[in-house]
Amino acid sequence: MSEHAIEFLQEWIGEKVHCQSSLDRIEEQAETLAKECAAKAAEAGIPLEDIQEEVGDIQELIASRLEEAAEADQENSDKPAE
């Protein structure tokens, strides 16, 4: 994958993939975000195939990142205030 495609994906995920309050909506949100990512990549002249060659299914990657963010948020909300 080109350096440009890697930078695009890292920046896009950093901007768009954030914690959601509900774990049961992650798949739905991941599908929406994957479509948005593919469209933005195309606008930037980056073929989706270049991204998928490096990371595989972008929807799965985004879902994984959403789950990680949700779990981290859950852990933080479970900690008692100091």
C-alpha atoms as a PDB file:
ATOM      1  CA  MET A   1       0.000   0.000   0.000  1.00  0.00           C
ATOM      2  CA  SER A   2       1.276   3.437  -0.780  1.00  0.00           C
ATOM      3  CA  GLU A   3       2.467   5.747   1.971  1.00  0.00           C
ATOM      4  CA  HIS A   4      -0.297   8.157   0.932  1.00  0.00           C
ATOM      5  CA  ALA A   5      -2.967   5.486   1.462  1.00  0.00           C
ATOM      6  CA  ILE A   6      -1.550   4.590   4.903  1.00  0.00           C
ATOM      7  CA  GLU A   7      -1.495   8.222   5.990  1.00  0.00           C
ATOM      8  CA  PHE A   8      -5.024   8.759   4.692  1.00  0.00           C
ATOM      9  CA  LEU A   9      -6.410   5.764   6.581  1.00  0.00           C
ATOM     10  CA  GLN A  10      -4.655   6.613   9.853  1.00  0.00           C
ATOM     11  CA  GLU A  11      -5.825  10.225   9.727  1.00  0.00           C
ATOM     12  CA  TRP A  12      -9.369   9.318   8.733  1.00  0.00           C
ATOM     13  CA  ILE A  13      -9.759   6.723  11.487  1.00  0.00           C
ATOM     14  CA  GLY A  14      -8.317   9.166  14.037  1.00  0.00           C
ATOM     15  CA  GLU A  15     -10.886  11.788  13.066  1.00  0.00           C
ATOM     16  CA  LYS A  16     -13.967   9.619  12.565  1.00  0.00           C
ATOM     17  CA  VAL A  17     -13.750   6.562  14.793  1.00  0.00           C
ATOM     18  CA  HIS A  18     -14.815   7.451  18.309  1.00  0.00           C
ATOM     19  CA  CYS A  19     -16.473   5.712  21.199  1.00  0.00           C
ATOM     20  CA  GLN A  20     -20.159   5.044  21.012  1.00  0.00           C
ATOM     21  CA  SER A  21     -22.295   4.584  24.074  1.00  0.00           C
ATOM     22  CA  SER A  22     -23.785   1.323  22.831  1.00  0.00           C
ATOM     23  CA  LEU A  23     -21.771  -1.767  21.911  1.00  0.00           C
ATOM     24  CA  ASP A  24     -24.763  -3.188  20.020  1.00  0.00           C
ATOM     25  CA  ARG A  25     -24.621  -0.376  17.447  1.00  0.00           C
ATOM     26  CA  ILE A  26     -20.958  -0.890  16.557  1.00  0.00           C
ATOM     27  CA  GLU A  27     -21.567  -3.093  13.496  1.00  0.00           C
ATOM     28  CA  GLU A  28     -24.127  -0.651  12.113  1.00  0.00           C
ATOM     29  CA  GLN A  29     -21.828   2.299  12.680  1.00  0.00           C
ATOM     30  CA  ALA A  30     -18.813   0.421  11.293  1.00  0.00           C
ATOM     31  CA  GLU A  31     -20.698  -0.274   8.066  1.00  0.00           C
ATOM     32  CA  THR A  32     -21.636   3.396   7.701  1.00  0.00           C
ATOM     33  CA  LEU A  33     -18.110   4.573   8.469  1.00  0.00           C
ATOM     34  CA  ALA A  34     -16.558   2.035   6.076  1.00  0.00           C
ATOM     35  CA  LYS A  35     -18.722   3.357   3.244  1.00  0.00           C
ATOM     36  CA  GLU A  36     -17.788   6.933   4.161  1.00  0.00           C
ATOM     37  CA  CYS A  37     -14.098   6.016   4.308  1.00  0.00           C
ATOM     38  CA  ALA A  38     -14.242   4.359   0.879  1.00  0.00           C
ATOM     39  CA  ALA A  39     -15.931   7.426  -0.602  1.00  0.00           C
ATOM     40  CA  LYS A  40     -13.406   9.828   0.938  1.00  0.00           C
ATOM     41  CA  ALA A  41     -10.507   7.645  -0.210  1.00  0.00           C
ATOM     42  CA  ALA A  42     -11.881   7.702  -3.756  1.00  0.00           C
ATOM     43  CA  GLU A  43     -12.187  11.501  -3.590  1.00  0.00           C
ATOM     44  CA  ALA A  44      -8.527  11.631  -2.511  1.00  0.00           C
ATOM     45  CA  GLY A  45      -7.550   9.408  -5.441  1.00  0.00           C
ATOM     46  CA  ILE A  46      -6.789   6.391  -3.261  1.00  0.00           C
ATOM     47  CA  PRO A  47      -8.220   3.103  -4.544  1.00  0.00           C
ATOM     48  CA  LEU A  48     -10.046   1.114  -1.868  1.00  0.00           C
ATOM     49  CA  GLU A  49      -8.059  -1.904  -3.042  1.00  0.00           C
ATOM     50  CA  ASP A  50      -4.832  -0.210  -1.904  1.00  0.00           C
ATOM     51  CA  ILE A  51      -6.228   0.176   1.602  1.00  0.00           C
ATOM     52  CA  GLN A  52      -7.715  -3.309   1.738  1.00  0.00           C
ATOM     53  CA  GLU A  53      -4.463  -4.830   0.513  1.00  0.00           C
ATOM     54  CA  GLU A  54      -2.805  -3.606   3.706  1.00  0.00           C
ATOM     55  CA  VAL A  55      -5.564  -3.873   6.332  1.00  0.00           C
ATOM     56  CA  GLY A  56      -8.119  -6.287   4.894  1.00  0.00           C
ATOM     57  CA  ASP A  57     -11.781  -5.456   5.375  1.00  0.00           C
ATOM     58  CA  ILE A  58     -11.988  -1.830   6.483  1.00  0.00           C
ATOM     59  CA  GLN A  59     -15.394  -2.411   8.072  1.00  0.00           C
ATOM     60  CA  GLU A  60     -13.865  -5.039  10.357  1.00  0.00           C
ATOM     61  CA  LEU A  61     -10.964  -2.719  11.182  1.00  0.00           C
ATOM     62  CA  ILE A  62     -13.317   0.140  12.026  1.00  0.00           C
ATOM     63  CA  ALA A  63     -15.547  -2.154  14.124  1.00  0.00           C
ATOM     64  CA  SER A  64     -12.475  -3.305  16.032  1.00  0.00           C
ATOM     65  CA  ARG A  65     -11.409   0.279  16.728  1.00  0.00           C
ATOM     66  CA  LEU A  66     -14.940   1.192  17.848  1.00  0.00           C
ATOM     67  CA  GLU A  67     -15.008  -1.782  20.208  1.00  0.00           C
ATOM     68  CA  GLU A  68     -11.622  -0.811  21.662  1.00  0.00           C
ATOM     69  CA  ALA A  69     -12.815   2.757  22.214  1.00  0.00           C
ATOM     70  CA  ALA A  70     -16.072   1.590  23.803  1.00  0.00           C
ATOM     71  CA  GLU A  71     -14.244  -0.793  26.137  1.00  0.00           C
ATOM     72  CA  ALA A  72     -11.761   1.908  27.149  1.00  0.00           C
ATOM     73  CA  ASP A  73     -14.611   4.317  27.791  1.00  0.00           C
ATOM     74  CA  GLN A  74     -16.435   1.683  29.845  1.00  0.00           C
ATOM     75  CA  GLU A  75     -13.309   1.040  31.925  1.00  0.00           C
ATOM     76  CA  ASN A  76     -12.862   4.757  32.531  1.00  0.00           C
ATOM     77  CA  SER A  77     -16.473   5.212  33.584  1.00  0.00           C
ATOM     78  CA  ASP A  78     -16.216   2.264  35.996  1.00  0.00           C
ATOM     79  CA  LYS A  79     -13.288   3.799  37.874  1.00  0.00           C
ATOM     80  CA  PRO A  80     -14.200   5.710  41.013  1.00  0.00           C
ATOM     81  CA  ALA A  81     -13.527   9.434  41.007  1.00  0.00           C
ATOM     82  CA  GLU A  82     -10.496  10.463  42.987  1.00  0.00           C
END
